[in-house]
């Protein structure tokens, strides 16, 4: 029933900015967090950012802190990831995810309930 659809990925140059969107449908009222993960070829899926759905607490990985900003528009059931000062190391498929309550840390992908199909972000040097 839950569907998450990412958009906004593309090819940009180092130093550029990009905003990803995640449109959610069928999202349970009890949803606890929304977030973003990314996965580069040959690497494990890694946590990027998360935001609580009912209030405004945000969390970021050390690699993106200060450059990326996660935000939400609850009226539109949409989560955003504003990415600035992009680096080639940011190149990955970016996935939107939703987490139900009492599922543990936001850090681990296994603790998240639903996933989008991903959108490719490529940063050239």
N, C-alpha and C. Protein backbone atom coordinates (compact mmCIF):
# COMPACT_ATOMS: atom_id res chain seq x y z
N UNK A 1 0.82 -1.21 0.00
CA UNK A 1 0.00 0.00 0.00
C UNK A 1 0.86 1.26 0.00
N UNK A 2 1.93 1.25 0.78
CA UNK A 2 2.83 2.39 0.82
C UNK A 2 3.66 2.43 -0.45
N UNK A 3 3.74 3.61 -1.04
CA UNK A 3 4.54 3.80 -2.23
C UNK A 3 5.38 5.07 -2.08
N UNK A 4 6.67 4.96 -2.33
CA UNK A 4 7.58 6.08 -2.27
C UNK A 4 8.23 6.24 -3.63
N UNK A 5 8.18 7.44 -4.18
CA UNK A 5 8.70 7.70 -5.51
C UNK A 5 9.67 8.86 -5.45
N UNK A 6 10.94 8.57 -5.74
CA UNK A 6 11.97 9.59 -5.75
C UNK A 6 12.05 10.26 -7.12
N UNK A 7 12.48 11.51 -7.11
CA UNK A 7 12.72 12.23 -8.34
C UNK A 7 13.76 13.31 -8.08
N UNK A 8 14.30 13.86 -9.15
CA UNK A 8 15.22 14.98 -9.03
C UNK A 8 16.68 14.64 -9.23
N UNK A 9 17.00 13.38 -9.40
CA UNK A 9 18.38 13.01 -9.64
C UNK A 9 18.85 13.45 -11.01
N UNK A 10 20.16 13.40 -11.20
CA UNK A 10 20.71 13.80 -12.48
C UNK A 10 22.21 13.89 -12.44
N UNK A 11 22.77 14.43 -13.50
CA UNK A 11 24.21 14.60 -13.64
C UNK A 11 24.56 16.06 -13.40
N UNK A 12 25.43 16.30 -12.43
CA UNK A 12 25.87 17.64 -12.09
C UNK A 12 27.38 17.66 -11.92
N UNK A 13 27.92 18.85 -11.86
CA UNK A 13 29.35 19.02 -11.64
C UNK A 13 29.66 19.22 -10.16
N UNK A 14 30.87 18.89 -9.77
CA UNK A 14 31.30 19.11 -8.40
C UNK A 14 31.08 20.57 -8.00
N UNK A 15 30.54 20.75 -6.80
CA UNK A 15 30.24 22.08 -6.31
C UNK A 15 28.81 22.52 -6.57
N UNK A 16 28.11 21.82 -7.44
CA UNK A 16 26.73 22.17 -7.76
C UNK A 16 25.76 21.73 -6.67
N UNK A 17 24.52 22.13 -6.83
CA UNK A 17 23.44 21.76 -5.91
C UNK A 17 22.36 21.00 -6.65
N UNK A 18 21.63 20.20 -5.90
CA UNK A 18 20.55 19.39 -6.46
C UNK A 18 19.55 19.12 -5.36
N UNK A 19 18.26 19.10 -5.71
CA UNK A 19 17.23 18.78 -4.74
C UNK A 19 16.47 17.54 -5.16
N UNK A 20 16.46 16.55 -4.29
CA UNK A 20 15.70 15.34 -4.51
C UNK A 20 14.35 15.44 -3.81
N UNK A 21 13.35 14.82 -4.41
CA UNK A 21 12.02 14.77 -3.83
C UNK A 21 11.58 13.33 -3.66
N UNK A 22 10.80 13.08 -2.63
CA UNK A 22 10.22 11.77 -2.38
C UNK A 22 8.74 11.96 -2.12
N UNK A 23 7.92 11.53 -3.06
CA UNK A 23 6.47 11.62 -2.93
C UNK A 23 5.94 10.32 -2.35
N UNK A 24 5.25 10.42 -1.23
CA UNK A 24 4.74 9.25 -0.53
C UNK A 24 3.24 9.14 -0.69
N UNK A 25 2.76 7.93 -0.84
CA UNK A 25 1.33 7.65 -0.85
C UNK A 25 1.06 6.46 0.06
N UNK A 26 -0.12 6.45 0.66
CA UNK A 26 -0.47 5.38 1.58
C UNK A 26 0.37 5.36 2.83
N UNK A 27 0.92 6.51 3.21
CA UNK A 27 1.80 6.58 4.37
C UNK A 27 0.98 6.49 5.65
N UNK A 28 1.26 5.52 6.52
CA UNK A 28 0.50 5.41 7.77
C UNK A 28 0.66 6.64 8.65
N UNK A 29 -0.40 6.97 9.38
CA UNK A 29 -0.34 8.11 10.30
C UNK A 29 0.71 7.91 11.38
N UNK A 30 1.00 6.67 11.69
CA UNK A 30 1.96 6.37 12.75
C UNK A 30 3.41 6.38 12.28
N UNK A 31 3.66 6.75 11.02
CA UNK A 31 5.03 6.84 10.52
C UNK A 31 5.89 7.68 11.46
N UNK A 32 7.07 7.18 11.78
CA UNK A 32 7.94 7.83 12.74
C UNK A 32 8.97 8.74 12.07
N UNK A 33 9.68 8.19 11.09
CA UNK A 33 10.70 8.96 10.39
C UNK A 33 10.59 8.75 8.88
N UNK A 34 11.06 9.73 8.14
CA UNK A 34 11.34 9.60 6.73
C UNK A 34 12.82 9.87 6.54
N UNK A 35 13.40 9.24 5.54
CA UNK A 35 14.83 9.43 5.38
C UNK A 35 15.34 9.10 4.00
N UNK A 36 16.64 9.30 3.86
CA UNK A 36 17.35 9.04 2.62
C UNK A 36 18.56 8.16 2.89
N UNK A 37 18.75 7.19 2.02
CA UNK A 37 19.95 6.37 1.98
C UNK A 37 20.55 6.46 0.59
N UNK A 38 21.78 6.03 0.46
CA UNK A 38 22.39 5.99 -0.86
C UNK A 38 23.26 4.75 -0.99
N UNK A 39 23.45 4.33 -2.22
CA UNK A 39 24.26 3.15 -2.48
C UNK A 39 25.05 3.35 -3.76
N UNK A 40 26.36 3.29 -3.63
CA UNK A 40 27.26 3.36 -4.76
C UNK A 40 27.59 1.95 -5.23
N UNK A 41 27.99 1.78 -6.49
CA UNK A 41 28.32 0.45 -6.99
C UNK A 41 29.38 -0.24 -6.14
N UNK A 42 29.11 -1.48 -5.77
CA UNK A 42 30.05 -2.26 -4.98
C UNK A 42 30.09 -1.93 -3.51
N UNK A 43 29.24 -1.02 -3.06
CA UNK A 43 29.22 -0.63 -1.66
C UNK A 43 27.87 -0.93 -1.03
N UNK A 44 27.86 -1.00 0.30
CA UNK A 44 26.62 -1.21 1.03
C UNK A 44 25.78 0.06 1.02
N UNK A 45 24.49 -0.14 1.20
CA UNK A 45 23.60 1.00 1.34
C UNK A 45 23.92 1.73 2.64
N UNK A 46 24.05 3.06 2.58
CA UNK A 46 24.44 3.82 3.75
C UNK A 46 23.44 4.93 4.05
N UNK A 47 23.32 5.22 5.33
CA UNK A 47 22.43 6.27 5.80
C UNK A 47 22.93 7.63 5.37
N UNK A 48 22.00 8.50 4.98
CA UNK A 48 22.33 9.86 4.59
C UNK A 48 21.70 10.88 5.53
N UNK A 49 20.37 10.83 5.66
CA UNK A 49 19.66 11.82 6.46
C UNK A 49 18.29 11.29 6.84
N UNK A 50 17.75 11.80 7.94
CA UNK A 50 16.42 11.41 8.38
C UNK A 50 15.74 12.59 9.06
N UNK A 51 14.42 12.57 9.05
CA UNK A 51 13.63 13.59 9.71
C UNK A 51 12.43 12.92 10.36
N UNK A 52 12.09 13.32 11.57
CA UNK A 52 10.90 12.78 12.20
C UNK A 52 9.66 13.36 11.54
N UNK A 53 8.63 12.54 11.40
CA UNK A 53 7.44 12.94 10.67
C UNK A 53 6.53 13.84 11.48
N UNK A 54 6.46 13.62 12.79
CA UNK A 54 5.54 14.37 13.64
C UNK A 54 6.14 15.65 14.20
N UNK A 55 7.43 15.78 14.17
CA UNK A 55 8.09 17.01 14.57
C UNK A 55 9.30 17.21 13.67
N UNK A 56 10.29 17.99 14.08
CA UNK A 56 11.31 18.45 13.13
C UNK A 56 12.73 18.04 13.46
N UNK A 57 12.89 16.98 14.22
CA UNK A 57 14.24 16.50 14.49
C UNK A 57 14.86 15.96 13.22
N UNK A 58 16.11 16.31 12.99
CA UNK A 58 16.83 15.85 11.81
C UNK A 58 18.13 15.19 12.21
N UNK A 59 18.60 14.30 11.34
CA UNK A 59 19.81 13.53 11.59
C UNK A 59 20.56 13.38 10.28
N UNK A 60 21.89 13.48 10.36
CA UNK A 60 22.72 13.42 9.16
C UNK A 60 23.94 12.55 9.40
N UNK A 61 24.38 11.90 8.35
CA UNK A 61 25.66 11.21 8.42
C UNK A 61 26.78 12.24 8.43
N UNK A 62 27.92 11.86 8.98
CA UNK A 62 29.04 12.78 9.06
C UNK A 62 29.50 13.23 7.67
N UNK A 63 29.35 12.38 6.68
CA UNK A 63 29.84 12.70 5.35
C UNK A 63 29.04 13.79 4.65
N UNK A 64 27.80 14.03 5.09
CA UNK A 64 26.97 15.02 4.42
C UNK A 64 26.59 16.19 5.32
N UNK A 65 26.86 16.09 6.59
CA UNK A 65 26.50 17.14 7.53
C UNK A 65 27.11 18.47 7.10
N UNK A 66 26.28 19.51 7.09
CA UNK A 66 26.72 20.82 6.67
C UNK A 66 26.54 21.09 5.19
N UNK A 67 26.30 20.05 4.41
CA UNK A 67 26.10 20.20 2.97
C UNK A 67 24.70 19.84 2.53
N UNK A 68 24.09 18.85 3.18
CA UNK A 68 22.76 18.38 2.81
C UNK A 68 21.75 18.84 3.86
N UNK A 69 20.53 19.08 3.42
CA UNK A 69 19.44 19.44 4.31
C UNK A 69 18.20 18.62 3.96
N UNK A 70 17.65 17.93 4.94
CA UNK A 70 16.41 17.19 4.74
C UNK A 70 15.26 18.04 5.25
N UNK A 71 14.15 18.01 4.53
CA UNK A 71 12.97 18.76 4.92
C UNK A 71 11.73 18.00 4.49
N UNK A 72 10.57 18.49 4.89
CA UNK A 72 9.32 17.81 4.57
C UNK A 72 8.22 18.80 4.33
N UNK A 73 7.22 18.36 3.59
CA UNK A 73 5.97 19.08 3.41
C UNK A 73 4.87 18.06 3.66
N UNK A 74 4.38 18.03 4.89
CA UNK A 74 3.41 17.02 5.27
C UNK A 74 2.11 17.13 4.47
N UNK A 75 1.71 18.34 4.12
CA UNK A 75 0.49 18.53 3.33
C UNK A 75 0.60 17.86 1.97
N UNK A 76 1.80 17.77 1.44
CA UNK A 76 2.04 17.13 0.15
C UNK A 76 2.58 15.72 0.28
N UNK A 77 2.73 15.25 1.51
CA UNK A 77 3.31 13.92 1.76
C UNK A 77 4.63 13.76 1.01
N UNK A 78 5.47 14.77 1.14
CA UNK A 78 6.71 14.81 0.38
C UNK A 78 7.88 15.14 1.28
N UNK A 79 8.99 14.46 1.03
CA UNK A 79 10.25 14.71 1.73
C UNK A 79 11.28 15.15 0.71
N UNK A 80 12.13 16.07 1.10
CA UNK A 80 13.13 16.61 0.20
C UNK A 80 14.53 16.40 0.76
N UNK A 81 15.49 16.34 -0.13
CA UNK A 81 16.89 16.34 0.25
C UNK A 81 17.59 17.39 -0.60
N UNK A 82 17.91 18.51 0.02
CA UNK A 82 18.65 19.56 -0.66
C UNK A 82 20.14 19.28 -0.51
N UNK A 83 20.81 19.09 -1.62
CA UNK A 83 22.22 18.74 -1.63
C UNK A 83 23.02 19.89 -2.22
N UNK A 84 24.00 20.36 -1.46
CA UNK A 84 24.85 21.45 -1.89
C UNK A 84 26.31 21.02 -1.82
N UNK A 85 27.16 21.79 -2.50
CA UNK A 85 28.60 21.49 -2.51
C UNK A 85 28.86 20.03 -2.83
N UNK A 86 28.21 19.55 -3.86
CA UNK A 86 28.29 18.13 -4.20
C UNK A 86 29.71 17.74 -4.60
N UNK A 87 30.07 16.53 -4.22
CA UNK A 87 31.37 15.97 -4.50
C UNK A 87 31.22 14.70 -5.33
N UNK A 88 32.26 14.31 -6.07
CA UNK A 88 32.17 13.03 -6.79
C UNK A 88 31.84 11.85 -5.89
N UNK A 89 32.28 11.88 -4.64
CA UNK A 89 31.98 10.79 -3.71
C UNK A 89 30.50 10.71 -3.35
N UNK A 90 29.72 11.73 -3.68
CA UNK A 90 28.28 11.69 -3.46
C UNK A 90 27.56 10.89 -4.54
N UNK A 91 28.26 10.49 -5.58
CA UNK A 91 27.65 9.73 -6.67
C UNK A 91 27.11 8.41 -6.15
N UNK A 92 25.83 8.18 -6.37
CA UNK A 92 25.16 6.97 -5.87
C UNK A 92 23.72 6.99 -6.33
N UNK A 93 23.05 5.86 -6.13
CA UNK A 93 21.61 5.82 -6.22
C UNK A 93 21.06 6.22 -4.86
N UNK A 94 20.18 7.20 -4.85
CA UNK A 94 19.60 7.70 -3.61
C UNK A 94 18.20 7.14 -3.43
N UNK A 95 17.96 6.56 -2.26
CA UNK A 95 16.70 5.92 -1.95
C UNK A 95 15.97 6.65 -0.83
N UNK A 96 14.69 6.83 -1.02
CA UNK A 96 13.82 7.34 0.03
C UNK A 96 13.27 6.17 0.83
N UNK A 97 13.09 6.35 2.12
CA UNK A 97 12.59 5.29 2.97
C UNK A 97 11.71 5.86 4.08
N UNK A 98 10.83 5.02 4.61
CA UNK A 98 9.99 5.39 5.74
C UNK A 98 10.17 4.37 6.86
N UNK A 99 10.11 4.86 8.09
CA UNK A 99 10.33 4.02 9.25
C UNK A 99 9.12 4.10 10.18
N UNK A 100 8.65 2.95 10.60
CA UNK A 100 7.57 2.87 11.57
C UNK A 100 8.14 3.00 12.97
N UNK A 101 7.29 3.29 13.97
CA UNK A 101 7.79 3.42 15.35
C UNK A 101 8.38 2.13 15.88
N UNK A 102 9.27 2.27 16.84
CA UNK A 102 9.85 1.16 17.58
C UNK A 102 10.65 0.21 16.70
N UNK A 103 11.29 0.72 15.70
CA UNK A 103 12.10 -0.10 14.80
C UNK A 103 13.59 0.08 15.03
N UNK A 104 13.98 0.88 16.00
CA UNK A 104 15.39 1.02 16.34
C UNK A 104 16.05 2.20 15.66
N UNK A 105 17.36 2.11 15.55
CA UNK A 105 18.17 3.19 15.02
C UNK A 105 17.85 3.50 13.58
N UNK A 106 17.97 4.77 13.21
CA UNK A 106 17.80 5.18 11.82
C UNK A 106 19.01 4.80 10.96
N UNK A 107 20.10 4.42 11.59
CA UNK A 107 21.36 4.20 10.89
C UNK A 107 21.33 2.98 9.98
N UNK A 108 20.58 1.96 10.36
CA UNK A 108 20.61 0.68 9.67
C UNK A 108 19.45 0.54 8.69
N UNK A 109 19.73 0.22 7.43
CA UNK A 109 18.65 0.03 6.46
C UNK A 109 17.61 -1.00 6.87
N UNK A 110 18.02 -2.04 7.58
CA UNK A 110 17.09 -3.09 7.98
C UNK A 110 16.02 -2.60 8.92
N UNK A 111 16.21 -1.46 9.55
CA UNK A 111 15.23 -0.92 10.48
C UNK A 111 14.17 -0.06 9.81
N UNK A 112 14.24 0.08 8.50
CA UNK A 112 13.27 0.88 7.74
C UNK A 112 12.28 -0.01 7.01
N UNK A 113 11.05 0.46 6.91
CA UNK A 113 9.94 -0.38 6.48
C UNK A 113 9.69 -0.38 4.97
N UNK A 114 9.71 0.78 4.35
CA UNK A 114 9.36 0.90 2.95
C UNK A 114 10.42 1.71 2.21
N UNK A 115 10.59 1.36 0.94
CA UNK A 115 11.63 1.96 0.12
C UNK A 115 11.12 2.35 -1.24
N UNK A 116 11.68 3.44 -1.76
CA UNK A 116 11.42 3.82 -3.13
C UNK A 116 12.34 3.08 -4.08
N UNK A 117 12.19 3.38 -5.35
CA UNK A 117 12.96 2.67 -6.39
C UNK A 117 14.35 3.26 -6.58
N UNK A 118 14.59 4.44 -6.06
CA UNK A 118 15.89 5.08 -6.17
C UNK A 118 15.98 6.04 -7.33
N UNK A 119 16.84 7.04 -7.19
CA UNK A 119 17.12 7.98 -8.26
C UNK A 119 18.63 8.20 -8.32
N UNK A 120 19.17 8.19 -9.52
CA UNK A 120 20.62 8.27 -9.71
C UNK A 120 21.10 9.70 -9.59
N UNK A 121 22.14 9.90 -8.79
CA UNK A 121 22.84 11.17 -8.69
C UNK A 121 24.28 10.93 -9.10
N UNK A 122 24.73 11.63 -10.11
CA UNK A 122 26.10 11.51 -10.58
C UNK A 122 26.77 12.87 -10.53
N UNK A 123 27.90 12.95 -9.84
CA UNK A 123 28.64 14.19 -9.68
C UNK A 123 29.97 14.03 -10.40
N UNK A 124 30.19 14.81 -11.42
CA UNK A 124 31.41 14.74 -12.19
C UNK A 124 32.41 15.75 -11.67
N UNK A 125 33.68 15.47 -11.89
CA UNK A 125 34.76 16.37 -11.49
C UNK A 125 35.30 17.15 -12.66
